[in-house]
Amino acid sequence: MSSLNLVEQSKHKHVGPTVRVLGVGSGSTVVYAAERLVELKRLNKLHPELLCVPTSFQSKQLIIDAGLRASDLDDLPELDPGSFASIDVTIDGADEVDAELNAIKGGGGAHLREKLVAAASKKLVLIADYRKDSEVLGEKWDKGVPVEVSPLAWSTIKRQLERFVPKSRVQGMTAEAVAAFEYNHPIAVLRQAVRKAGPVVTDNGNFILDVSMGKIYDPLAVEQLLKMVPGVIEVGIFSNMATEAWFGNEDGSITCRFPRSEMKKQD
């Protein structure tokens, strides 16, 4: 299954003339998404006043190059009175997705803006290939949870993150708690740039610590735990945010999944 076909099918279902504001994700799939949007625009299958909200410098440039209108999140009004949402739907990629559609994102370093846009969306749809479809987070993705941190004290933040244990919680360590992650202690590594000496610097001017902790059994608990450390800007765990996920399979087929708990309610 090519990334283009996967994007085409997800866009066909979720992007049409009724979508006024669209969140555009980051990463390899966004290139195909921009191409598909241009085609839909040519066929007059998009809202004539469509606004696209980018989640990174990359996606903003692709939106502009495609002749579409880019908008900053803060410039958007609420879609409905009293509603927090200002975006109809956001389509984004993921590094790994578990059975409940919790996701790890941030392999490309854009998870702060991605989470801001996702949180302001009525619907978050994830697209990925079958290799990123897991039972639990950390099962296949072995590069750690991306954690955006302040450069002012990244080493201190790293030490604090590595002191957590599987039963640590926001309120402290609970003896009765089930282990939230696999490792005895997380291992945090400062992400280094590839074609530049020194660390990766995000679009927001921050550093990234990739925090490995093995399998993640309670994504929400881990997300909250990591975010409580002073100096942590954002965590690349997206808990209870996605409404559905599309996976391109090795045989060319596509699987559309919903959170397992939601499917059980319908049985």
Protein backbone atom coordinates (compact mmCIF):
# COMPACT_ATOMS: atom_id res chain seq x y z
CA MET A 1 0.00 0.00 0.00
CA SER A 2 1.52 3.29 -1.09
CA SER A 3 1.36 6.31 1.18
CA LEU A 4 -0.45 8.16 -1.61
CA ASN A 5 -3.29 5.62 -1.75
CA LEU A 6 -3.61 5.64 2.03
CA VAL A 7 -3.83 9.44 2.08
CA GLU A 8 -6.33 9.43 -0.81
CA GLN A 9 -8.75 7.13 0.99
CA SER A 10 -8.58 8.96 4.31
CA LYS A 11 -8.95 12.34 2.62
CA HIS A 12 -11.87 11.05 0.54
CA LYS A 13 -13.78 10.18 3.71
CA HIS A 14 -12.89 13.17 5.88
CA VAL A 15 -12.15 16.11 3.59
CA GLY A 16 -14.93 17.54 1.46
CA PRO A 17 -16.93 20.71 0.78
CA THR A 18 -18.29 20.81 4.35
CA VAL A 19 -14.82 21.01 5.94
CA ARG A 20 -14.02 24.67 6.46
CA VAL A 21 -10.86 24.29 8.58
CA LEU A 22 -8.38 21.43 8.15
CA GLY A 23 -5.41 20.57 10.34
CA VAL A 24 -2.47 19.38 8.26
CA GLY A 25 0.02 17.11 9.98
CA SER A 26 3.78 16.75 9.60
CA GLY A 27 6.12 14.08 8.30
CA SER A 28 6.42 12.00 5.16
CA THR A 29 2.67 11.57 4.59
CA VAL A 30 1.99 15.32 4.53
CA VAL A 31 3.69 15.57 1.13
CA TYR A 32 1.08 13.24 -0.34
CA ALA A 33 -1.67 14.98 1.60
CA ALA A 34 -0.78 18.31 0.01
CA GLU A 35 -0.81 16.72 -3.44
CA ARG A 36 -4.24 15.21 -2.79
CA LEU A 37 -5.62 18.54 -1.57
CA VAL A 38 -4.47 20.23 -4.78
CA GLU A 39 -6.30 17.57 -6.80
CA LEU A 40 -9.49 17.96 -4.74
CA LYS A 41 -9.29 21.72 -5.19
CA ARG A 42 -8.97 21.31 -8.95
CA LEU A 43 -12.09 19.12 -8.93
CA ASN A 44 -13.99 21.69 -6.83
CA LYS A 45 -14.42 19.15 -4.03
CA LEU A 46 -13.12 21.42 -1.29
CA HIS A 47 -14.79 24.21 0.65
CA PRO A 48 -14.18 27.39 -1.41
CA GLU A 49 -12.85 29.15 1.70
CA LEU A 50 -10.84 26.22 3.08
CA LEU A 51 -8.25 27.16 5.70
CA CYS A 52 -5.36 24.80 6.44
CA VAL A 53 -3.68 24.88 9.84
CA PRO A 54 -0.08 23.61 9.69
CA THR A 55 1.60 21.72 12.50
CA SER A 56 5.17 22.54 11.47
CA PHE A 57 7.34 24.70 9.24
CA GLN A 58 7.35 21.83 6.74
CA SER A 59 3.58 21.54 6.46
CA LYS A 60 3.15 25.33 6.25
CA GLN A 61 5.51 25.53 3.29
CA LEU A 62 3.74 22.65 1.55
CA ILE A 63 0.36 24.33 2.08
CA ILE A 64 1.64 27.60 0.62
CA ASP A 65 3.40 25.91 -2.30
CA ALA A 66 0.15 24.08 -3.10
CA GLY A 67 -1.71 27.38 -3.42
CA LEU A 68 -3.86 26.73 -0.37
CA ARG A 69 -4.58 29.18 2.46
CA ALA A 70 -2.62 28.67 5.66
CA SER A 71 -3.88 29.98 8.97
CA ASP A 72 -2.40 30.21 12.45
CA LEU A 73 -4.34 28.46 15.18
CA ASP A 74 -4.86 31.64 17.19
CA ASP A 75 -6.48 33.36 14.21
CA LEU A 76 -9.37 30.90 14.11
CA PRO A 77 -12.72 31.47 15.83
CA GLU A 78 -14.54 28.67 17.62
CA LEU A 79 -16.57 26.53 15.23
CA ASP A 80 -19.59 26.50 17.53
CA PRO A 81 -20.55 28.84 20.37
CA GLY A 82 -19.14 27.48 23.60
CA SER A 83 -17.01 24.92 21.80
CA PHE A 84 -13.26 24.72 22.30
CA ALA A 85 -12.76 23.28 18.80
CA SER A 86 -11.74 25.61 15.98
CA ILE A 87 -10.74 22.92 13.44
CA ASP A 88 -13.15 20.49 11.74
CA VAL A 89 -10.68 17.65 11.30
CA THR A 90 -6.93 17.09 11.53
CA ILE A 91 -5.19 14.35 9.59
CA ASP A 92 -1.73 13.46 10.84
CA GLY A 93 0.77 10.64 10.91
CA ALA A 94 2.09 8.72 13.91
CA ASP A 95 5.19 6.82 14.96
CA GLU A 96 3.13 4.16 16.74
CA VAL A 97 -0.55 3.60 17.57
CA ASP A 98 -1.89 1.21 20.22
CA ALA A 99 -5.19 -0.67 20.50
CA GLU A 100 -6.95 2.36 22.03
CA LEU A 101 -5.48 4.71 19.39
CA ASN A 102 -3.14 6.31 21.89
CA ALA A 103 -0.13 7.37 19.83
CA ILE A 104 3.52 8.27 20.00
CA LYS A 105 4.36 11.25 17.82
CA GLY A 106 7.35 13.53 17.56
CA GLY A 107 9.84 11.51 15.53
CA GLY A 108 10.04 14.60 13.34
CA GLY A 109 10.22 16.94 16.32
CA ALA A 110 6.89 18.70 15.71
CA HIS A 111 4.77 17.18 18.49
CA LEU A 112 4.15 20.43 20.38
CA ARG A 113 2.38 22.06 17.45
CA GLU A 114 0.82 18.77 16.44
CA LYS A 115 -0.76 18.41 19.87
CA LEU A 116 -1.98 22.02 19.93
CA VAL A 117 -3.72 21.51 16.59
CA ALA A 118 -5.07 18.08 17.54
CA ALA A 119 -6.52 19.43 20.81
CA ALA A 120 -8.33 22.16 18.93
CA SER A 121 -9.89 19.71 16.45
CA LYS A 122 -13.31 18.10 16.48
CA LYS A 123 -11.71 14.96 15.06
CA LEU A 124 -8.14 13.63 14.86
CA VAL A 125 -7.51 10.98 12.22
CA LEU A 126 -4.18 9.16 12.16
CA ILE A 127 -2.64 7.59 9.06
CA ALA A 128 0.31 5.18 9.14
CA ASP A 129 1.54 1.92 7.71
CA TYR A 130 0.96 -1.47 9.33
CA ARG A 131 4.39 -1.48 10.99
CA LYS A 132 3.20 1.24 13.37
CA ASP A 133 0.08 -0.62 14.50
CA SER A 134 0.74 -2.07 17.98
CA GLU A 135 -1.09 -3.61 20.89
CA VAL A 136 0.71 -1.30 23.36
CA LEU A 137 2.98 1.69 22.81
CA GLY A 138 6.66 0.82 22.86
CA GLU A 139 6.05 -2.61 21.38
CA LYS A 140 7.45 -1.63 17.97
CA TRP A 141 8.67 1.95 18.38
CA ASP A 142 12.03 1.65 20.16
CA LYS A 143 13.32 5.22 19.82
CA GLY A 144 11.66 6.50 22.96
CA VAL A 145 8.97 9.07 23.70
CA PRO A 146 9.94 12.49 22.30
CA VAL A 147 9.90 15.08 25.06
CA GLU A 148 10.40 18.72 24.11
CA VAL A 149 12.31 20.54 26.84
CA SER A 150 13.77 23.94 27.63
CA PRO A 151 17.43 24.21 26.54
CA LEU A 152 18.14 26.16 29.75
CA ALA A 153 18.17 23.04 31.92
CA TRP A 154 17.94 20.01 29.64
CA SER A 155 20.51 18.03 31.66
CA THR A 156 18.65 18.64 34.93
CA ILE A 157 15.37 17.66 33.27
CA LYS A 158 17.02 14.50 31.93
CA ARG A 159 18.10 13.44 35.44
CA GLN A 160 14.63 14.06 36.84
CA LEU A 161 12.97 12.02 34.11
CA GLU A 162 15.33 9.12 34.70
CA ARG A 163 14.42 8.94 38.41
CA PHE A 164 10.86 7.79 37.73
CA VAL A 165 9.89 4.17 38.35
CA PRO A 166 7.02 2.16 36.82
CA LYS A 167 4.69 2.88 39.76
CA SER A 168 5.40 6.61 39.86
CA ARG A 169 2.31 8.77 39.41
CA VAL A 170 1.63 12.50 39.35
CA GLN A 171 0.75 12.39 43.07
CA GLY A 172 3.93 10.45 43.91
CA MET A 173 4.73 6.76 44.04
CA THR A 174 1.73 4.53 44.69
CA ALA A 175 2.48 1.02 45.96
CA GLU A 176 -0.89 -0.29 44.76
CA ALA A 177 -0.53 1.16 41.28
CA VAL A 178 -0.04 -1.09 38.29
CA ALA A 179 3.23 -0.49 36.44
CA ALA A 180 2.76 2.28 33.88
CA PHE A 181 5.83 1.28 31.84
CA GLU A 182 8.25 -1.63 31.46
CA TYR A 183 11.76 -0.41 32.35
CA ASN A 184 12.93 0.02 35.95
CA HIS A 185 13.86 3.60 35.07
CA PRO A 186 13.48 5.63 31.87
CA ILE A 187 16.55 6.33 29.75
CA ALA A 188 16.62 9.86 28.30
CA VAL A 189 18.90 10.79 25.38
CA LEU A 190 19.37 14.26 23.92
CA ARG A 191 18.46 14.06 20.24
CA GLN A 192 21.37 15.02 18.00
CA ALA A 193 21.10 16.72 14.63
CA VAL A 194 22.18 14.82 11.50
CA ARG A 195 23.57 17.54 9.25
CA LYS A 196 24.53 19.98 11.98
CA ALA A 197 26.86 19.77 14.96
CA GLY A 198 24.95 19.67 18.22
CA PRO A 199 21.38 18.87 19.26
CA VAL A 200 18.18 19.08 17.26
CA VAL A 201 16.44 22.43 17.76
CA THR A 202 12.66 22.39 17.27
CA ASP A 203 10.59 24.97 15.37
CA ASN A 204 9.96 26.47 18.81
CA GLY A 205 13.64 26.81 19.75
CA ASN A 206 13.70 23.91 22.22
CA PHE A 207 15.62 20.62 22.60
CA ILE A 208 14.22 17.07 22.45
CA LEU A 209 14.92 14.24 24.88
CA ASP A 210 14.00 10.80 23.56
CA VAL A 211 12.84 8.93 26.66
CA SER A 212 12.90 5.14 26.40
CA MET A 213 10.87 3.15 28.94
CA GLY A 214 10.01 -0.05 27.10
CA LYS A 215 6.36 -0.92 26.70
CA ILE A 216 3.93 1.71 27.94
CA TYR A 217 0.99 0.10 29.71
CA ASP A 218 -0.74 3.32 30.83
CA PRO A 219 -0.12 6.07 28.26
CA LEU A 220 -2.16 8.72 30.07
CA ALA A 221 -0.32 8.15 33.37
CA VAL A 222 3.06 8.32 31.61
CA GLU A 223 2.08 11.46 29.70
CA GLN A 224 1.00 13.21 32.90
CA LEU A 225 4.08 12.01 34.76
CA LEU A 226 6.53 13.33 32.18
CA LYS A 227 4.72 16.66 31.88
CA MET A 228 4.92 17.36 35.60
CA VAL A 229 8.70 17.88 35.43
CA PRO A 230 9.53 21.61 35.34
CA GLY A 231 11.06 22.53 32.00
CA VAL A 232 9.16 19.91 30.00
CA ILE A 233 7.32 21.77 27.25
CA GLU A 234 5.37 18.91 25.69
CA VAL A 235 5.33 15.11 25.54
CA GLY A 236 4.94 13.04 22.37
CA ILE A 237 2.24 10.78 23.82
CA PHE A 238 -1.22 11.57 22.47
CA SER A 239 -3.65 9.93 24.92
CA ASN A 240 -7.35 9.62 24.11
CA MET A 241 -7.15 12.11 21.25
CA ALA A 242 -7.55 10.14 17.99
CA THR A 243 -11.03 9.09 16.85
CA GLU A 244 -9.86 6.68 14.17
CA ALA A 245 -6.69 5.41 12.51
CA TRP A 246 -5.99 4.20 8.97
CA PHE A 247 -3.23 1.67 8.31
CA GLY A 248 -1.82 0.70 4.95
CA ASN A 249 -1.14 -3.04 4.94
CA GLU A 250 1.64 -4.97 3.24
CA ASP A 251 -0.79 -6.63 0.80
CA GLY A 252 -2.14 -3.29 -0.43
CA SER A 253 -5.31 -3.26 1.65
CA ILE A 254 -6.29 -0.60 4.19
CA THR A 255 -7.47 -1.16 7.74
CA CYS A 256 -9.52 1.50 9.50
CA ARG A 257 -9.53 1.13 13.29
CA PHE A 258 -11.39 2.76 16.16
CA PRO A 259 -10.48 2.62 19.87
CA ARG A 260 -10.98 -0.94 21.11
CA SER A 261 -13.05 0.23 24.09
CA GLU A 262 -15.42 2.08 21.75
CA MET A 263 -15.87 -1.00 19.60
CA LYS A 264 -16.72 -3.09 22.67
CA LYS A 265 -19.46 -0.64 23.61
CA GLN A 266 -21.07 -1.24 20.22
CA ASP A 267 -21.02 -5.04 20.56
